[in-house]
Amino acid sequence: KHGGKGGGTNPEELLAAGYSACFNAALRLCSEKNGIKIGNSHVICEVSLGVVSDEVTAGMPNRVGLAVKLLAEVEGVDDATAQKCAELAHQFCPYSQATRGNIPVEVVGRAMAR
C-alpha cells in the first residue's frame, strides 16, 4: 500500500486504460498503412508498480518503478503476423514512445481466438 483509502481507480489503472486504447488505434493504423488486412483487435495492458532496487531509505524502498505488459489480440491473422502488427504499433504509439528507455514494456501479439 502506498497511501490513500483504496476503493478507487489507481494511477496504474488509468495509465493502462489510456495506453491500451492508444496502442489499439496505433495497431490498426500501422497494419493498414503496411498493407496488413486485419479483423477486430483488442489490447490488454497491465501496468505494475514494484520495487526496482533493494536500497531502503527510512524504511521504504528507495526506488519503485512501473512495468508494462501489452497483449494485442488480432483477428484474421496468424500469431507471427499479429506479433509484427504489435511491433509496428509499439514503434508508432505515443505511449510507447514516451515510455521507451524509461520502463520495461513487454509487447505480445497473437491471433485472436475465434
C-alpha atoms as a PDB file:
ATOM      1  CA  LYS A   1       0.000   0.000   0.000  1.00  0.00           C
ATOM      2  CA  HIS A   2       1.218   3.460  -0.855  1.00  0.00           C
ATOM      3  CA  GLY A   3      -1.381   5.546   0.921  1.00  0.00           C
ATOM      4  CA  GLY A   4      -4.931   6.551   0.236  1.00  0.00           C
ATOM      5  CA  LYS A   5      -8.177   4.924   1.276  1.00  0.00           C
ATOM      6  CA  GLY A   6      -8.358   2.476  -1.640  1.00  0.00           C
ATOM      7  CA  GLY A   7     -11.515   1.514  -3.459  1.00  0.00           C
ATOM      8  CA  GLY A   8     -10.955   3.918  -6.336  1.00  0.00           C
ATOM      9  CA  THR A   9      -9.080   3.844  -9.584  1.00  0.00           C
ATOM     10  CA  ASN A  10      -5.335   3.987  -9.102  1.00  0.00           C
ATOM     11  CA  PRO A  11      -2.795   5.706 -11.369  1.00  0.00           C
ATOM     12  CA  GLU A  12      -1.610   2.384 -12.825  1.00  0.00           C
ATOM     13  CA  GLU A  13      -5.148   1.553 -13.974  1.00  0.00           C
ATOM     14  CA  LEU A  14      -5.500   4.970 -15.596  1.00  0.00           C
ATOM     15  CA  LEU A  15      -2.201   4.525 -17.453  1.00  0.00           C
ATOM     16  CA  ALA A  16      -3.286   1.049 -18.595  1.00  0.00           C
ATOM     17  CA  ALA A  17      -6.615   2.370 -19.914  1.00  0.00           C
ATOM     18  CA  GLY A  18      -5.006   5.153 -21.932  1.00  0.00           C
ATOM     19  CA  TYR A  19      -2.107   3.014 -23.174  1.00  0.00           C
ATOM     20  CA  SER A  20      -4.338   0.157 -24.341  1.00  0.00           C
ATOM     21  CA  ALA A  21      -6.696   2.486 -26.243  1.00  0.00           C
ATOM     22  CA  CYS A  22      -3.834   4.351 -27.907  1.00  0.00           C
ATOM     23  CA  PHE A  23      -1.944   1.139 -28.708  1.00  0.00           C
ATOM     24  CA  ASN A  24      -5.002  -0.449 -30.333  1.00  0.00           C
ATOM     25  CA  ALA A  25      -5.508   2.630 -32.512  1.00  0.00           C
ATOM     26  CA  ALA A  26      -1.812   2.548 -33.466  1.00  0.00           C
ATOM     27  CA  LEU A  27      -2.042  -1.171 -34.236  1.00  0.00           C
ATOM     28  CA  ARG A  28      -4.976  -0.663 -36.574  1.00  0.00           C
ATOM     29  CA  LEU A  29      -3.377   2.328 -38.337  1.00  0.00           C
ATOM     30  CA  CYS A  30       0.061   0.693 -38.712  1.00  0.00           C
ATOM     31  CA  SER A  31      -1.476  -2.526 -40.013  1.00  0.00           C
ATOM     32  CA  GLU A  32      -3.455  -0.629 -42.637  1.00  0.00           C
ATOM     33  CA  LYS A  33      -0.506   1.551 -43.692  1.00  0.00           C
ATOM     34  CA  ASN A  34       1.683  -1.568 -44.046  1.00  0.00           C
ATOM     35  CA  GLY A  35      -0.885  -3.436 -46.161  1.00  0.00           C
ATOM     36  CA  ILE A  36      -1.794  -5.976 -43.485  1.00  0.00           C
ATOM     37  CA  LYS A  37      -5.507  -6.748 -43.541  1.00  0.00           C
ATOM     38  CA  ILE A  38      -6.808  -7.442 -40.042  1.00  0.00           C
ATOM     39  CA  GLY A  39     -10.193  -8.017 -38.477  1.00  0.00           C
ATOM     40  CA  ASN A  40     -11.169  -6.949 -34.995  1.00  0.00           C
ATOM     41  CA  SER A  41      -8.461  -6.284 -32.432  1.00  0.00           C
ATOM     42  CA  HIS A  42      -8.190  -5.526 -28.787  1.00  0.00           C
ATOM     43  CA  VAL A  43      -5.348  -4.750 -26.428  1.00  0.00           C
ATOM     44  CA  ILE A  44      -4.955  -5.694 -22.786  1.00  0.00           C
ATOM     45  CA  CYS A  45      -2.480  -3.551 -20.879  1.00  0.00           C
ATOM     46  CA  GLU A  46      -1.216  -4.484 -17.431  1.00  0.00           C
ATOM     47  CA  VAL A  47       0.739  -1.853 -15.508  1.00  0.00           C
ATOM     48  CA  SER A  48       2.532  -2.902 -12.359  1.00  0.00           C
ATOM     49  CA  LEU A  49       4.225  -0.867  -9.671  1.00  0.00           C
ATOM     50  CA  GLY A  50       7.074  -2.551  -7.902  1.00  0.00           C
ATOM     51  CA  VAL A  51      10.454  -2.261  -6.276  1.00  0.00           C
ATOM     52  CA  VAL A  52      13.289  -1.928  -8.775  1.00  0.00           C
ATOM     53  CA  SER A  53      16.083  -1.521  -6.231  1.00  0.00           C
ATOM     54  CA  ASP A  54      16.980  -3.222  -2.960  1.00  0.00           C
ATOM     55  CA  GLU A  55      18.035   0.044  -1.335  1.00  0.00           C
ATOM     56  CA  VAL A  56      15.921   1.169   1.598  1.00  0.00           C
ATOM     57  CA  THR A  57      15.629   4.704   2.941  1.00  0.00           C
ATOM     58  CA  ALA A  58      13.592   5.491   6.050  1.00  0.00           C
ATOM     59  CA  GLY A  59      12.086   2.005   5.936  1.00  0.00           C
ATOM     60  CA  MET A  60      10.772   2.423   2.379  1.00  0.00           C
ATOM     61  CA  PRO A  61      12.100   1.128  -0.932  1.00  0.00           C
ATOM     62  CA  ASN A  62      14.393   3.793  -2.319  1.00  0.00           C
ATOM     63  CA  ARG A  63      13.245   3.250  -5.880  1.00  0.00           C
ATOM     64  CA  VAL A  64       9.936   1.939  -7.111  1.00  0.00           C
ATOM     65  CA  GLY A  65       9.064   1.809 -10.777  1.00  0.00           C
ATOM     66  CA  LEU A  66       6.497   0.836 -13.355  1.00  0.00           C
ATOM     67  CA  ALA A  67       6.467  -2.047 -15.817  1.00  0.00           C
ATOM     68  CA  VAL A  68       4.017  -2.659 -18.667  1.00  0.00           C
ATOM     69  CA  LYS A  69       2.776  -5.788 -20.416  1.00  0.00           C
ATOM     70  CA  LEU A  70       0.773  -5.314 -23.620  1.00  0.00           C
ATOM     71  CA  LEU A  71      -1.175  -8.155 -25.202  1.00  0.00           C
ATOM     72  CA  ALA A  72      -2.610  -7.363 -28.639  1.00  0.00           C
ATOM     73  CA  GLU A  73      -5.086  -9.911 -29.975  1.00  0.00           C
ATOM     74  CA  VAL A  74      -5.727  -9.577 -33.694  1.00  0.00           C
ATOM     75  CA  GLU A  75      -8.411 -11.312 -35.741  1.00  0.00           C
ATOM     76  CA  GLY A  76      -7.818 -12.610 -39.256  1.00  0.00           C
ATOM     77  CA  VAL A  77      -4.053 -13.197 -38.991  1.00  0.00           C
ATOM     78  CA  ASP A  78      -1.699 -15.808 -37.572  1.00  0.00           C
ATOM     79  CA  ASP A  79       0.438 -15.341 -34.454  1.00  0.00           C
ATOM     80  CA  ALA A  80       3.532 -14.205 -36.380  1.00  0.00           C
ATOM     81  CA  THR A  81       1.581 -11.530 -38.256  1.00  0.00           C
ATOM     82  CA  ALA A  82      -0.144 -10.406 -35.061  1.00  0.00           C
ATOM     83  CA  GLN A  83       3.295 -10.036 -33.446  1.00  0.00           C
ATOM     84  CA  LYS A  84       4.504  -7.982 -36.429  1.00  0.00           C
ATOM     85  CA  CYS A  85       1.459  -5.711 -36.139  1.00  0.00           C
ATOM     86  CA  ALA A  86       2.105  -5.270 -32.411  1.00  0.00           C
ATOM     87  CA  GLU A  87       5.754  -4.420 -33.009  1.00  0.00           C
ATOM     88  CA  LEU A  88       4.819  -1.849 -35.658  1.00  0.00           C
ATOM     89  CA  ALA A  89       2.326  -0.297 -33.244  1.00  0.00           C
ATOM     90  CA  HIS A  90       4.956  -0.235 -30.497  1.00  0.00           C
ATOM     91  CA  GLN A  91       7.236   1.854 -32.719  1.00  0.00           C
ATOM     92  CA  PHE A  92       4.445   4.332 -33.538  1.00  0.00           C
ATOM     93  CA  CYS A  93       2.259   4.589 -30.399  1.00  0.00           C
ATOM     94  CA  PRO A  94       2.856   7.847 -28.476  1.00  0.00           C
ATOM     95  CA  TYR A  95       2.621   5.981 -25.145  1.00  0.00           C
ATOM     96  CA  SER A  96       5.301   3.553 -26.319  1.00  0.00           C
ATOM     97  CA  GLN A  97       7.468   6.449 -27.419  1.00  0.00           C
ATOM     98  CA  ALA A  98       7.042   8.133 -24.035  1.00  0.00           C
ATOM     99  CA  THR A  99       7.954   5.007 -22.060  1.00  0.00           C
ATOM    100  CA  ARG A 100      10.766   3.741 -24.330  1.00  0.00           C
ATOM    101  CA  GLY A 101      14.021   3.566 -22.391  1.00  0.00           C
ATOM    102  CA  ASN A 102      12.301   4.596 -19.150  1.00  0.00           C
ATOM    103  CA  ILE A 103      10.383   1.495 -18.073  1.00  0.00           C
ATOM    104  CA  PRO A 104      10.229  -2.125 -19.235  1.00  0.00           C
ATOM    105  CA  VAL A 105       7.470  -2.745 -21.785  1.00  0.00           C
ATOM    106  CA  GLU A 106       6.701  -6.274 -22.985  1.00  0.00           C
ATOM    107  CA  VAL A 107       4.718  -6.475 -26.239  1.00  0.00           C
ATOM    108  CA  VAL A 108       2.978  -9.664 -27.371  1.00  0.00           C
ATOM    109  CA  GLY A 109       0.790 -10.047 -30.440  1.00  0.00           C
ATOM    110  CA  ARG A 110      -1.273 -13.149 -31.047  1.00  0.00           C
ATOM    111  CA  ALA A 111      -4.069 -14.330 -33.260  1.00  0.00           C
ATOM    112  CA  MET A 112      -7.483 -13.736 -31.752  1.00  0.00           C
ATOM    113  CA  ALA A 113      -9.224 -16.971 -30.811  1.00  0.00           C
ATOM    114  CA  ARG A 114     -12.475 -17.427 -32.647  1.00  0.00           C
END
